[in-house]
Amino acid sequence: MNSSMEEDAVTWLHEALKIHTSRDGTYRDSDEICDSLKTKFESKYGGFWAVIMGNYATRYTYSKGKWISFMLDNSNRVLVFEESSKK
């Protein structure tokens, strides 16, 4: 991702975590967090974006330069990437 997209990703993830995490920090609504990020990326940057959140291992195909990954405090990760279309 270019620096502007990275800044958006950080800002949007922070906002979503703040809104969708319980006050005591014991629960996060992963579905809402993922939906929020996906919607914002598709609205601003177009294309089809995927957001995966949790403690996972995965293999995927993404568009070159259009992905970012975050490690959260509890070993959970957030992965955001633009889906590649197969030709």
Protein backbone atom coordinates (compact mmCIF):
# COMPACT_ATOMS: atom_id res chain seq x y z
CA MET A 1 0.00 0.00 0.00
CA ASN A 2 1.11 3.53 -0.57
CA SER A 3 1.48 5.76 2.48
CA SER A 4 -1.96 7.34 2.06
CA MET A 5 -3.66 3.93 2.01
CA GLU A 6 -1.62 2.81 5.02
CA GLU A 7 -2.66 5.93 6.93
CA ASP A 8 -6.31 5.25 6.08
CA ALA A 9 -5.95 1.62 7.18
CA VAL A 10 -4.48 2.63 10.55
CA THR A 11 -7.09 5.35 11.12
CA TRP A 12 -10.03 3.17 10.08
CA LEU A 13 -8.86 0.18 12.13
CA HIS A 14 -8.37 2.38 15.19
CA GLU A 15 -11.87 3.85 14.78
CA ALA A 16 -13.46 0.41 14.28
CA LEU A 17 -11.67 -1.06 17.30
CA LYS A 18 -12.78 1.86 19.45
CA ILE A 19 -16.41 1.51 18.38
CA HIS A 20 -16.65 -2.30 18.35
CA THR A 21 -14.66 -3.26 21.45
CA SER A 22 -16.40 -3.55 24.82
CA ARG A 23 -15.62 -0.89 27.38
CA ASP A 24 -13.66 -3.38 29.52
CA GLY A 25 -11.75 -4.66 26.46
CA THR A 26 -12.85 -8.27 26.84
CA TYR A 27 -14.88 -8.48 23.62
CA ARG A 28 -14.37 -7.30 20.05
CA ASP A 29 -17.04 -7.64 17.38
CA SER A 30 -14.81 -8.99 14.61
CA ASP A 31 -17.61 -9.09 12.05
CA GLU A 32 -18.38 -5.39 12.49
CA ILE A 33 -14.70 -4.42 12.45
CA CYS A 34 -14.09 -6.36 9.23
CA ASP A 35 -17.25 -5.00 7.61
CA SER A 36 -16.31 -1.44 8.51
CA LEU A 37 -12.83 -1.72 6.97
CA LYS A 38 -14.06 -3.52 3.85
CA THR A 39 -16.76 -0.92 3.24
CA LYS A 40 -14.39 2.01 3.67
CA PHE A 41 -11.70 0.56 1.39
CA GLU A 42 -14.18 -0.29 -1.36
CA SER A 43 -15.83 3.11 -1.10
CA LYS A 44 -12.60 5.11 -1.30
CA TYR A 45 -10.36 2.90 -3.45
CA GLY A 46 -12.80 0.82 -5.50
CA GLY A 47 -12.34 -2.84 -6.33
CA PHE A 48 -13.07 -5.74 -4.02
CA TRP A 49 -11.35 -5.81 -0.65
CA ALA A 50 -11.07 -8.62 1.89
CA VAL A 51 -10.55 -8.23 5.62
CA ILE A 52 -9.63 -11.16 7.84
CA MET A 53 -9.39 -10.88 11.62
CA GLY A 54 -8.37 -13.46 14.19
CA ASN A 55 -5.66 -15.88 15.18
CA TYR A 56 -5.05 -17.58 11.86
CA ALA A 57 -2.73 -18.93 9.26
CA THR A 58 -3.72 -18.29 5.68
CA ARG A 59 -2.56 -18.28 2.09
CA TYR A 60 -4.08 -15.85 -0.37
CA THR A 61 -3.57 -14.02 -3.63
CA TYR A 62 -3.60 -10.24 -3.52
CA SER A 63 -2.86 -7.36 -5.85
CA LYS A 64 0.78 -6.29 -5.66
CA GLY A 65 1.24 -3.46 -3.20
CA LYS A 66 -2.36 -3.55 -1.97
CA TRP A 67 -2.25 -5.31 1.37
CA ILE A 68 -1.45 -4.55 4.99
CA SER A 69 -1.36 -6.66 8.14
CA PHE A 70 -1.64 -5.64 11.80
CA MET A 71 -0.82 -7.61 14.94
CA LEU A 72 -3.20 -6.77 17.78
CA ASP A 73 -2.47 -7.03 21.49
CA ASN A 74 -3.85 -10.54 21.97
CA SER A 75 -2.11 -12.42 19.13
CA ASN A 76 -5.00 -11.68 16.80
CA ARG A 77 -4.21 -10.25 13.41
CA VAL A 78 -6.04 -8.07 10.94
CA LEU A 79 -5.23 -8.57 7.28
CA VAL A 80 -6.59 -6.20 4.62
CA PHE A 81 -5.98 -6.81 0.93
CA GLU A 82 -7.45 -6.09 -2.47
CA GLU A 83 -8.63 -9.30 -4.06
CA SER A 84 -6.96 -10.24 -7.32
CA SER A 85 -9.10 -11.21 -10.24
CA LYS A 86 -7.92 -14.36 -11.98
CA LYS A 87 -7.30 -14.02 -15.68
